[in-house]
Amino acid sequence: MYIKNRVRELRTANKLTQEELASKVNVTRQTIAAIEKQDYAPSLLLGLLICRVFKVEMGELFWLGGENDDE
């Protein structure tokens, strides 16, 4: 199992660059890029900060993916 997310989708919908989002949550652009590529699962704190930026609940932004997940 792994964590899937909609970070890129919401970031682009809100017209933010990776650098701008990174600045808002106090991480590097590379961290945002890794989250978007599903190469890095953010900490609970970072996940909550990203949710705050987009004004969404955690389950709307992050969810568990698995072997049989088509998304």
PDB file of N, CA and C in Angstrom:
ATOM      1  N   MET A   1       0.843  -1.187   0.000  1.00  0.00           N
ATOM      2  CA  MET A   1       0.000   0.000   0.000  1.00  0.00           C
ATOM      3  C   MET A   1       0.885   1.246   0.000  1.00  0.00           C
ATOM      4  N   TYR A   2       0.335   2.310  -0.497  1.00  0.00           N
ATOM      5  CA  TYR A   2       1.057   3.571  -0.564  1.00  0.00           C
ATOM      6  C   TYR A   2       0.045   4.710  -0.491  1.00  0.00           C
ATOM      7  N   ILE A   3       0.543   5.901  -0.287  1.00  0.00           N
ATOM      8  CA  ILE A   3      -0.334   7.067  -0.185  1.00  0.00           C
ATOM      9  C   ILE A   3      -0.427   7.752  -1.538  1.00  0.00           C
ATOM     10  N   LYS A   4      -1.647   7.933  -2.015  1.00  0.00           N
ATOM     11  CA  LYS A   4      -1.900   8.677  -3.258  1.00  0.00           C
ATOM     12  C   LYS A   4      -2.390  10.068  -2.877  1.00  0.00           C
ATOM     13  N   ASN A   5      -2.298  10.998  -3.820  1.00  0.00           N
ATOM     14  CA  ASN A   5      -2.721  12.356  -3.490  1.00  0.00           C
ATOM     15  C   ASN A   5      -3.153  13.144  -4.721  1.00  0.00           C
ATOM     16  N   ARG A   6      -3.774  14.282  -4.440  1.00  0.00           N
ATOM     17  CA  ARG A   6      -4.229  15.210  -5.481  1.00  0.00           C
ATOM     18  C   ARG A   6      -3.486  16.549  -5.385  1.00  0.00           C
ATOM     19  N   VAL A   7      -2.280  16.537  -4.856  1.00  0.00           N
ATOM     20  CA  VAL A   7      -1.549  17.785  -4.636  1.00  0.00           C
ATOM     21  C   VAL A   7      -1.345  18.537  -5.947  1.00  0.00           C
ATOM     22  N   ARG A   8      -0.841  17.874  -6.973  1.00  0.00           N
ATOM     23  CA  ARG A   8      -0.597  18.556  -8.254  1.00  0.00           C
ATOM     24  C   ARG A   8      -1.895  19.124  -8.823  1.00  0.00           C
ATOM     25  N   GLU A   9      -2.953  18.325  -8.789  1.00  0.00           N
ATOM     26  CA  GLU A   9      -4.250  18.762  -9.314  1.00  0.00           C
ATOM     27  C   GLU A   9      -4.734  20.035  -8.612  1.00  0.00           C
ATOM     28  N   LEU A  10      -4.680  20.047  -7.290  1.00  0.00           N
ATOM     29  CA  LEU A  10      -5.159  21.218  -6.553  1.00  0.00           C
ATOM     30  C   LEU A  10      -4.200  22.398  -6.677  1.00  0.00           C
ATOM     31  N   ARG A  11      -2.898  22.112  -6.746  1.00  0.00           N
ATOM     32  CA  ARG A  11      -1.924  23.197  -6.895  1.00  0.00           C
ATOM     33  C   ARG A  11      -2.136  23.929  -8.217  1.00  0.00           C
ATOM     34  N   THR A  12      -2.302  23.176  -9.294  1.00  0.00           N
ATOM     35  CA  THR A  12      -2.494  23.827 -10.593  1.00  0.00           C
ATOM     36  C   THR A  12      -3.858  24.515 -10.672  1.00  0.00           C
ATOM     37  N   ALA A  13      -4.879  23.915 -10.068  1.00  0.00           N
ATOM     38  CA  ALA A  13      -6.206  24.547 -10.053  1.00  0.00           C
ATOM     39  C   ALA A  13      -6.180  25.873  -9.303  1.00  0.00           C
ATOM     40  N   ASN A  14      -5.287  25.971  -8.314  1.00  0.00           N
ATOM     41  CA  ASN A  14      -5.154  27.200  -7.532  1.00  0.00           C
ATOM     42  C   ASN A  14      -4.063  28.117  -8.075  1.00  0.00           C
ATOM     43  N   LYS A  15      -3.549  27.761  -9.259  1.00  0.00           N
ATOM     44  CA  LYS A  15      -2.544  28.574  -9.957  1.00  0.00           C
ATOM     45  C   LYS A  15      -1.309  28.870  -9.092  1.00  0.00           C
ATOM     46  N   LEU A  16      -0.843  27.827  -8.401  1.00  0.00           N
ATOM     47  CA  LEU A  16       0.371  27.939  -7.598  1.00  0.00           C
ATOM     48  C   LEU A  16       1.489  27.153  -8.271  1.00  0.00           C
ATOM     49  N   THR A  17       2.695  27.666  -8.198  1.00  0.00           N
ATOM     50  CA  THR A  17       3.855  26.896  -8.634  1.00  0.00           C
ATOM     51  C   THR A  17       4.277  25.980  -7.486  1.00  0.00           C
ATOM     52  N   GLN A  18       5.120  25.022  -7.793  1.00  0.00           N
ATOM     53  CA  GLN A  18       5.655  24.170  -6.731  1.00  0.00           C
ATOM     54  C   GLN A  18       6.407  25.023  -5.712  1.00  0.00           C
ATOM     55  N   GLU A  19       7.143  25.997  -6.185  1.00  0.00           N
ATOM     56  CA  GLU A  19       7.908  26.883  -5.299  1.00  0.00           C
ATOM     57  C   GLU A  19       6.982  27.669  -4.372  1.00  0.00           C
ATOM     58  N   GLU A  20       5.883  28.180  -4.902  1.00  0.00           N
ATOM     59  CA  GLU A  20       4.938  28.947  -4.081  1.00  0.00           C
ATOM     60  C   GLU A  20       4.286  28.074  -3.017  1.00  0.00           C
ATOM     61  N   LEU A  21       3.873  26.870  -3.391  1.00  0.00           N
ATOM     62  CA  LEU A  21       3.284  25.963  -2.404  1.00  0.00           C
ATOM     63  C   LEU A  21       4.320  25.586  -1.352  1.00  0.00           C
ATOM     64  N   ALA A  22       5.523  25.291  -1.794  1.00  0.00           N
ATOM     65  CA  ALA A  22       6.597  24.935  -0.861  1.00  0.00           C
ATOM     66  C   ALA A  22       6.824  26.046   0.159  1.00  0.00           C
ATOM     67  N   SER A  23       6.826  27.279  -0.305  1.00  0.00           N
ATOM     68  CA  SER A  23       7.020  28.423   0.586  1.00  0.00           C
ATOM     69  C   SER A  23       5.900  28.524   1.617  1.00  0.00           C
ATOM     70  N   LYS A  24       4.677  28.250   1.199  1.00  0.00           N
ATOM     71  CA  LYS A  24       3.523  28.338   2.106  1.00  0.00           C
ATOM     72  C   LYS A  24       3.567  27.286   3.211  1.00  0.00           C
ATOM     73  N   VAL A  25       4.198  26.145   2.946  1.00  0.00           N
ATOM     74  CA  VAL A  25       4.241  25.070   3.944  1.00  0.00           C
ATOM     75  C   VAL A  25       5.661  24.828   4.476  1.00  0.00           C
ATOM     76  N   ASN A  26       6.589  25.729   4.132  1.00  0.00           N
ATOM     77  CA  ASN A  26       7.946  25.732   4.672  1.00  0.00           C
ATOM     78  C   ASN A  26       8.746  24.460   4.353  1.00  0.00           C
ATOM     79  N   VAL A  27       8.690  24.044   3.085  1.00  0.00           N
ATOM     80  CA  VAL A  27       9.529  22.942   2.603  1.00  0.00           C
ATOM     81  C   VAL A  27      10.170  23.384   1.292  1.00  0.00           C
ATOM     82  N   THR A  28      10.986  22.528   0.711  1.00  0.00           N
ATOM     83  CA  THR A  28      11.615  22.860  -0.568  1.00  0.00           C
ATOM     84  C   THR A  28      10.697  22.497  -1.734  1.00  0.00           C
ATOM     85  N   ARG A  29      10.982  23.086  -2.875  1.00  0.00           N
ATOM     86  CA  ARG A  29      10.252  22.745  -4.092  1.00  0.00           C
ATOM     87  C   ARG A  29      10.420  21.263  -4.406  1.00  0.00           C
ATOM     88  N   GLN A  30      11.601  20.730  -4.121  1.00  0.00           N
ATOM     89  CA  GLN A  30      11.869  19.323  -4.392  1.00  0.00           C
ATOM     90  C   GLN A  30      10.965  18.409  -3.560  1.00  0.00           C
ATOM     91  N   THR A  31      10.645  18.826  -2.342  1.00  0.00           N
ATOM     92  CA  THR A  31       9.734  18.035  -1.508  1.00  0.00           C
ATOM     93  C   THR A  31       8.350  17.992  -2.127  1.00  0.00           C
ATOM     94  N   ILE A  32       7.864  19.134  -2.600  1.00  0.00           N
ATOM     95  CA  ILE A  32       6.549  19.174  -3.252  1.00  0.00           C
ATOM     96  C   ILE A  32       6.567  18.307  -4.506  1.00  0.00           C
ATOM     97  N   ALA A  33       7.638  18.387  -5.280  1.00  0.00           N
ATOM     98  CA  ALA A  33       7.747  17.570  -6.497  1.00  0.00           C
ATOM     99  C   ALA A  33       7.700  16.084  -6.151  1.00  0.00           C
ATOM    100  N   ALA A  34       8.402  15.679  -5.103  1.00  0.00           N
ATOM    101  CA  ALA A  34       8.419  14.269  -4.702  1.00  0.00           C
ATOM    102  C   ALA A  34       7.040  13.809  -4.231  1.00  0.00           C
ATOM    103  N   ILE A  35       6.324  14.662  -3.514  1.00  0.00           N
ATOM    104  CA  ILE A  35       4.964  14.325  -3.072  1.00  0.00           C
ATOM    105  C   ILE A  35       4.067  14.153  -4.290  1.00  0.00           C
ATOM    106  N   GLU A  36       4.151  15.077  -5.233  1.00  0.00           N
ATOM    107  CA  GLU A  36       3.311  15.013  -6.430  1.00  0.00           C
ATOM    108  C   GLU A  36       3.585  13.764  -7.262  1.00  0.00           C
ATOM    109  N   LYS A  37       4.833  13.317  -7.292  1.00  0.00           N
ATOM    110  CA  LYS A  37       5.191  12.114  -8.055  1.00  0.00           C
ATOM    111  C   LYS A  37       4.934  10.838  -7.256  1.00  0.00           C
ATOM    112  N   GLN A  38       4.406  10.995  -6.033  1.00  0.00           N
ATOM    113  CA  GLN A  38       4.124   9.863  -5.142  1.00  0.00           C
ATOM    114  C   GLN A  38       5.410   9.140  -4.737  1.00  0.00           C
ATOM    115  N   ASP A  39       6.541   9.866  -4.769  1.00  0.00           N
ATOM    116  CA  ASP A  39       7.818   9.299  -4.341  1.00  0.00           C
ATOM    117  C   ASP A  39       8.066   9.518  -2.855  1.00  0.00           C
ATOM    118  N   TYR A  40       7.255  10.350  -2.232  1.00  0.00           N
ATOM    119  CA  TYR A  40       7.453  10.711  -0.827  1.00  0.00           C
ATOM    120  C   TYR A  40       6.095  10.869  -0.164  1.00  0.00           C
ATOM    121  N   ALA A  41       5.919  10.207   0.969  1.00  0.00           N
ATOM    122  CA  ALA A  41       4.694  10.354   1.757  1.00  0.00           C
ATOM    123  C   ALA A  41       4.968  11.412   2.825  1.00  0.00           C
ATOM    124  N   PRO A  42       4.244  12.520   2.803  1.00  0.00           N
ATOM    125  CA  PRO A  42       4.511  13.591   3.756  1.00  0.00           C
ATOM    126  C   PRO A  42       4.143  13.193   5.178  1.00  0.00           C
ATOM    127  N   SER A  43       4.762  13.872   6.128  1.00  0.00           N
ATOM    128  CA  SER A  43       4.397  13.679   7.532  1.00  0.00           C
ATOM    129  C   SER A  43       2.959  14.140   7.739  1.00  0.00           C
ATOM    130  N   LEU A  44       2.380  13.757   8.845  1.00  0.00           N
ATOM    131  CA  LEU A  44       1.026  14.191   9.170  1.00  0.00           C
ATOM    132  C   LEU A  44       0.968  15.713   9.229  1.00  0.00           C
ATOM    133  N   LEU A  45       1.961  16.336   9.867  1.00  0.00           N
ATOM    134  CA  LEU A  45       1.985  17.798   9.972  1.00  0.00           C
ATOM    135  C   LEU A  45       2.027  18.445   8.595  1.00  0.00           C
ATOM    136  N   LEU A  46       2.908  17.974   7.723  1.00  0.00           N
ATOM    137  CA  LEU A  46       3.004  18.551   6.382  1.00  0.00           C
ATOM    138  C   LEU A  46       1.714  18.326   5.608  1.00  0.00           C
ATOM    139  N   GLY A  47       1.135  17.147   5.733  1.00  0.00           N
ATOM    140  CA  GLY A  47      -0.141  16.878   5.071  1.00  0.00           C
ATOM    141  C   GLY A  47      -1.226  17.843   5.523  1.00  0.00           C
ATOM    142  N   LEU A  48      -1.286  18.095   6.826  1.00  0.00           N
ATOM    143  CA  LEU A  48      -2.286  19.032   7.354  1.00  0.00           C
ATOM    144  C   LEU A  48      -2.033  20.457   6.869  1.00  0.00           C
ATOM    145  N   LEU A  49      -0.774  20.848   6.783  1.00  0.00           N
ATOM    146  CA  LEU A  49      -0.453  22.190   6.283  1.00  0.00           C
ATOM    147  C   LEU A  49      -0.866  22.345   4.822  1.00  0.00           C
ATOM    148  N   ILE A  50      -0.633  21.324   4.019  1.00  0.00           N
ATOM    149  CA  ILE A  50      -1.038  21.375   2.612  1.00  0.00           C
ATOM    150  C   ILE A  50      -2.558  21.437   2.520  1.00  0.00           C
ATOM    151  N   CYS A  51      -3.248  20.654   3.341  1.00  0.00           N
ATOM    152  CA  CYS A  51      -4.718  20.701   3.368  1.00  0.00           C
ATOM    153  C   CYS A  51      -5.209  22.097   3.720  1.00  0.00           C
ATOM    154  N   ARG A  52      -4.541  22.741   4.649  1.00  0.00           N
ATOM    155  CA  ARG A  52      -4.934  24.096   5.055  1.00  0.00           C
ATOM    156  C   ARG A  52      -4.805  25.074   3.885  1.00  0.00           C
ATOM    157  N   VAL A  53      -3.727  24.954   3.122  1.00  0.00           N
ATOM    158  CA  VAL A  53      -3.530  25.833   1.964  1.00  0.00           C
ATOM    159  C   VAL A  53      -4.692  25.696   0.984  1.00  0.00           C
ATOM    160  N   PHE A  54      -5.112  24.454   0.731  1.00  0.00           N
ATOM    161  CA  PHE A  54      -6.160  24.202  -0.257  1.00  0.00           C
ATOM    162  C   PHE A  54      -7.567  24.195   0.333  1.00  0.00           C
ATOM    163  N   LYS A  55      -7.661  24.345   1.665  1.00  0.00           N
ATOM    164  CA  LYS A  55      -8.960  24.363   2.356  1.00  0.00           C
ATOM    165  C   LYS A  55      -9.763  23.095   2.069  1.00  0.00           C
ATOM    166  N   VAL A  56      -9.099  21.949   2.226  1.00  0.00           N
ATOM    167  CA  VAL A  56      -9.751  20.653   2.038  1.00  0.00           C
ATOM    168  C   VAL A  56      -9.454  19.765   3.243  1.00  0.00           C
ATOM    169  N   GLU A  57     -10.268  18.736   3.413  1.00  0.00           N
ATOM    170  CA  GLU A  57     -10.042  17.739   4.459  1.00  0.00           C
ATOM    171  C   GLU A  57      -8.951  16.771   4.001  1.00  0.00           C
ATOM    172  N   MET A  58      -8.305  16.136   4.957  1.00  0.00           N
ATOM    173  CA  MET A  58      -7.209  15.212   4.665  1.00  0.00           C
ATOM    174  C   MET A  58      -7.630  14.129   3.665  1.00  0.00           C
ATOM    175  N   GLY A  59      -8.808  13.551   3.840  1.00  0.00           N
ATOM    176  CA  GLY A  59      -9.269  12.484   2.957  1.00  0.00           C
ATOM    177  C   GLY A  59      -9.549  12.933   1.536  1.00  0.00           C
ATOM    178  N   GLU A  60      -9.726  14.237   1.337  1.00  0.00           N
ATOM    179  CA  GLU A  60      -9.934  14.767  -0.012  1.00  0.00           C
ATOM    180  C   GLU A  60      -8.617  14.920  -0.760  1.00  0.00           C
ATOM    181  N   LEU A  61      -7.518  14.973  -0.012  1.00  0.00           N
ATOM    182  CA  LEU A  61      -6.212  15.220  -0.612  1.00  0.00           C
ATOM    183  C   LEU A  61      -5.341  13.967  -0.654  1.00  0.00           C
ATOM    184  N   PHE A  62      -5.417  13.146   0.386  1.00  0.00           N
ATOM    185  CA  PHE A  62      -4.593  11.942   0.497  1.00  0.00           C
ATOM    186  C   PHE A  62      -5.469  10.723   0.752  1.00  0.00           C
ATOM    187  N   TRP A  63      -5.097   9.573   0.175  1.00  0.00           N
ATOM    188  CA  TRP A  63      -5.795   8.318   0.446  1.00  0.00           C
ATOM    189  C   TRP A  63      -4.839   7.163   0.177  1.00  0.00           C
ATOM    190  N   LEU A  64      -5.199   5.993   0.688  1.00  0.00           N
ATOM    191  CA  LEU A  64      -4.375   4.806   0.478  1.00  0.00           C
ATOM    192  C   LEU A  64      -4.633   4.208  -0.886  1.00  0.00           C
ATOM    193  N   GLY A  65      -3.570   3.899  -1.588  1.00  0.00           N
ATOM    194  CA  GLY A  65      -3.663   3.182  -2.849  1.00  0.00           C
ATOM    195  C   GLY A  65      -3.110   1.785  -2.645  1.00  0.00           C
ATOM    196  N   GLY A  66      -3.473   0.894  -3.523  1.00  0.00           N
ATOM    197  CA  GLY A  66      -2.985  -0.471  -3.393  1.00  0.00           C
ATOM    198  C   GLY A  66      -2.782  -1.119  -4.736  1.00  0.00           C
ATOM    199  N   GLU A  67      -2.494  -2.391  -4.712  1.00  0.00           N
ATOM    200  CA  GLU A  67      -2.208  -3.135  -5.938  1.00  0.00           C
ATOM    201  C   GLU A  67      -3.369  -3.107  -6.926  1.00  0.00           C
ATOM    202  N   ASN A  68      -4.591  -3.143  -6.438  1.00  0.00           N
ATOM    203  CA  ASN A  68      -5.761  -3.203  -7.314  1.00  0.00           C
ATOM    204  C   ASN A  68      -6.374  -1.835  -7.573  1.00  0.00           C
ATOM    205  N   ASP A  69      -5.663  -0.790  -7.205  1.00  0.00           N
ATOM    206  CA  ASP A  69      -6.159   0.574  -7.370  1.00  0.00           C
ATOM    207  C   ASP A  69      -5.945   1.018  -8.811  1.00  0.00           C
ATOM    208  N   ASP A  70      -7.015   1.404  -9.494  1.00  0.00           N
ATOM    209  CA  ASP A  70      -6.923   1.798 -10.903  1.00  0.00           C
ATOM    210  C   ASP A  70      -6.526   3.250 -11.110  1.00  0.00           C
ATOM    211  N   GLU A  71      -6.507   4.057 -10.060  1.00  0.00           N
ATOM    212  CA  GLU A  71      -6.215   5.487 -10.233  1.00  0.00           C
ATOM    213  C   GLU A  71      -4.735   5.740 -10.266  1.00  0.00           C
TER     214      GLU A  71
END
